[in-house]
């Protein structure tokens, strides 16, 4: 990120998780309503996260990072890859929305894959147990 992008909203020593979430959402050009809908949560829930009244679960954090194009580490700690400078963006608004959707689908596919692996292991374990008639 450039100093210009940081100016006015991001101080790595002073920002909270909620500050970083709100700033990244703004940089991504999304409203609270839009991000909440994409995450599958109520707008009030997102507001609580941005105001540091509560924190999201791990699966929502991962989805957020993907949708906002920031690293999970940056979202949690302020260290790592944060939002880019909007002046450097050459994508149209429509392309950015589609790219966000691709990221969201990717995160959902990864979460579904992890769930499938867990269920498959449980099924194998159950199938190994002696069958009682």
Protein backbone atom coordinates (compact mmCIF):
# COMPACT_ATOMS: atom_id res chain seq x y z
CA UNK A 1 0.00 0.00 0.00
CA UNK A 2 1.13 3.53 -0.58
CA UNK A 3 1.33 6.28 2.01
CA UNK A 4 -1.52 8.03 0.20
CA UNK A 5 -3.77 4.99 0.64
CA UNK A 6 -2.88 4.72 4.31
CA UNK A 7 -3.47 8.38 5.01
CA UNK A 8 -6.65 9.10 6.87
CA UNK A 9 -7.75 5.64 7.91
CA UNK A 10 -4.94 3.20 8.49
CA UNK A 11 -2.37 3.44 11.26
CA UNK A 12 -0.81 0.01 11.87
CA UNK A 13 -0.28 0.83 15.55
CA UNK A 14 -3.78 2.10 16.23
CA UNK A 15 -6.25 0.25 13.99
CA UNK A 16 -8.40 -2.54 15.29
CA UNK A 17 -9.80 -5.53 13.44
CA UNK A 18 -13.01 -3.56 12.92
CA UNK A 19 -11.10 -0.59 11.50
CA UNK A 20 -9.26 -2.81 9.03
CA UNK A 21 -12.47 -4.58 8.03
CA UNK A 22 -14.33 -1.32 7.43
CA UNK A 23 -11.40 0.24 5.58
CA UNK A 24 -10.87 -2.79 3.34
CA UNK A 25 -14.60 -2.94 2.62
CA UNK A 26 -14.58 0.74 1.65
CA UNK A 27 -11.49 0.24 -0.52
CA UNK A 28 -13.25 -2.68 -2.24
CA UNK A 29 -16.21 -0.40 -2.99
CA UNK A 30 -18.72 -2.51 -1.07
CA UNK A 31 -21.48 -1.37 1.22
CA UNK A 32 -22.09 -3.08 4.54
CA UNK A 33 -25.28 -4.55 3.12
CA UNK A 34 -23.46 -5.98 0.08
CA UNK A 35 -20.62 -7.54 2.08
CA UNK A 36 -23.01 -8.96 4.67
CA UNK A 37 -25.08 -10.56 1.91
CA UNK A 38 -21.99 -12.10 0.29
CA UNK A 39 -20.86 -13.46 3.66
CA UNK A 40 -24.31 -14.81 4.48
CA UNK A 41 -24.70 -12.76 7.66
CA UNK A 42 -27.02 -10.00 8.81
CA UNK A 43 -25.95 -6.40 8.31
CA UNK A 44 -26.10 -5.92 12.10
CA UNK A 45 -23.56 -8.73 12.52
CA UNK A 46 -21.17 -7.00 10.10
CA UNK A 47 -21.71 -3.69 11.90
CA UNK A 48 -20.82 -5.37 15.21
CA UNK A 49 -17.61 -6.71 13.66
CA UNK A 50 -16.68 -3.29 12.27
CA UNK A 51 -17.39 -1.68 15.65
CA UNK A 52 -15.35 -4.35 17.48
CA UNK A 53 -18.37 -5.53 19.48
CA UNK A 54 -17.87 -9.10 18.28
CA UNK A 55 -15.59 -11.13 16.03
CA UNK A 56 -16.37 -13.50 13.16
CA UNK A 57 -15.66 -17.21 13.11
CA UNK A 58 -12.75 -18.59 11.12
CA UNK A 59 -14.77 -19.57 8.05
CA UNK A 60 -16.19 -16.04 7.76
CA UNK A 61 -12.71 -14.53 8.22
CA UNK A 62 -11.40 -16.59 5.34
CA UNK A 63 -14.30 -15.58 3.11
CA UNK A 64 -13.85 -11.92 4.09
CA UNK A 65 -10.18 -11.91 3.22
CA UNK A 66 -10.94 -13.38 -0.20
CA UNK A 67 -13.80 -11.00 -0.94
CA UNK A 68 -11.81 -7.94 0.17
CA UNK A 69 -8.60 -9.04 -1.56
CA UNK A 70 -6.50 -8.83 1.60
CA UNK A 71 -4.50 -11.47 3.43
CA UNK A 72 -6.04 -13.13 6.45
CA UNK A 73 -2.97 -12.05 8.42
CA UNK A 74 -3.51 -8.40 7.50
CA UNK A 75 -7.17 -8.55 8.45
CA UNK A 76 -6.32 -10.01 11.87
CA UNK A 77 -3.08 -8.21 12.72
CA UNK A 78 -2.42 -5.45 10.19
CA UNK A 79 0.68 -7.31 8.98
CA UNK A 80 0.73 -8.66 5.44
CA UNK A 81 -1.03 -7.79 2.23
CA UNK A 82 -3.67 -5.11 2.71
CA UNK A 83 -5.99 -3.40 0.25
CA UNK A 84 -4.41 -1.96 -2.87
CA UNK A 85 -4.35 1.65 -3.94
CA UNK A 86 -7.62 2.29 -5.79
CA UNK A 87 -5.81 4.64 -8.20
CA UNK A 88 -3.74 1.69 -9.42
CA UNK A 89 -6.81 -0.39 -10.20
CA UNK A 90 -7.37 -0.78 -13.93
CA UNK A 91 -10.36 -3.09 -13.63
CA UNK A 92 -13.83 -1.83 -14.32
CA UNK A 93 -16.42 -1.96 -11.54
CA UNK A 94 -18.09 -4.89 -13.29
CA UNK A 95 -14.78 -6.80 -13.54
CA UNK A 96 -14.07 -6.12 -9.86
CA UNK A 97 -17.48 -7.47 -8.87
CA UNK A 98 -16.92 -10.59 -10.97
CA UNK A 99 -13.44 -11.05 -9.53
CA UNK A 100 -14.93 -10.80 -6.04
CA UNK A 101 -17.47 -13.45 -6.94
CA UNK A 102 -14.71 -15.74 -8.25
CA UNK A 103 -12.85 -15.31 -4.95
CA UNK A 104 -16.01 -16.02 -2.98
CA UNK A 105 -16.67 -19.21 -4.95
CA UNK A 106 -13.06 -20.27 -4.46
CA UNK A 107 -13.32 -19.85 -0.70
CA UNK A 108 -16.62 -21.74 -0.61
CA UNK A 109 -15.10 -24.56 -2.66
CA UNK A 110 -12.14 -24.82 -0.30
CA UNK A 111 -14.45 -24.92 2.74
CA UNK A 112 -16.64 -27.55 1.06
CA UNK A 113 -13.56 -29.62 0.24
CA UNK A 114 -12.42 -29.50 3.87
CA UNK A 115 -15.91 -30.55 4.98
CA UNK A 116 -15.98 -33.38 2.43
CA UNK A 117 -12.62 -34.68 3.70
CA UNK A 118 -13.86 -34.60 7.30
CA UNK A 119 -17.10 -36.43 6.48
CA UNK A 120 -15.23 -39.01 4.39
CA UNK A 121 -12.89 -39.77 7.32
CA UNK A 122 -15.87 -40.12 9.66
CA UNK A 123 -17.60 -42.45 7.20
CA UNK A 124 -14.48 -44.62 6.86
CA UNK A 125 -14.26 -44.83 10.63
CA UNK A 126 -17.91 -45.87 10.94
CA UNK A 127 -17.51 -48.47 8.18
CA UNK A 128 -14.53 -50.05 10.00
CA UNK A 129 -16.63 -50.64 13.12
CA UNK A 130 -18.08 -54.15 13.48
CA UNK A 131 -21.62 -54.35 12.12
CA UNK A 132 -24.11 -55.49 14.73
CA UNK A 133 -27.20 -57.22 13.34
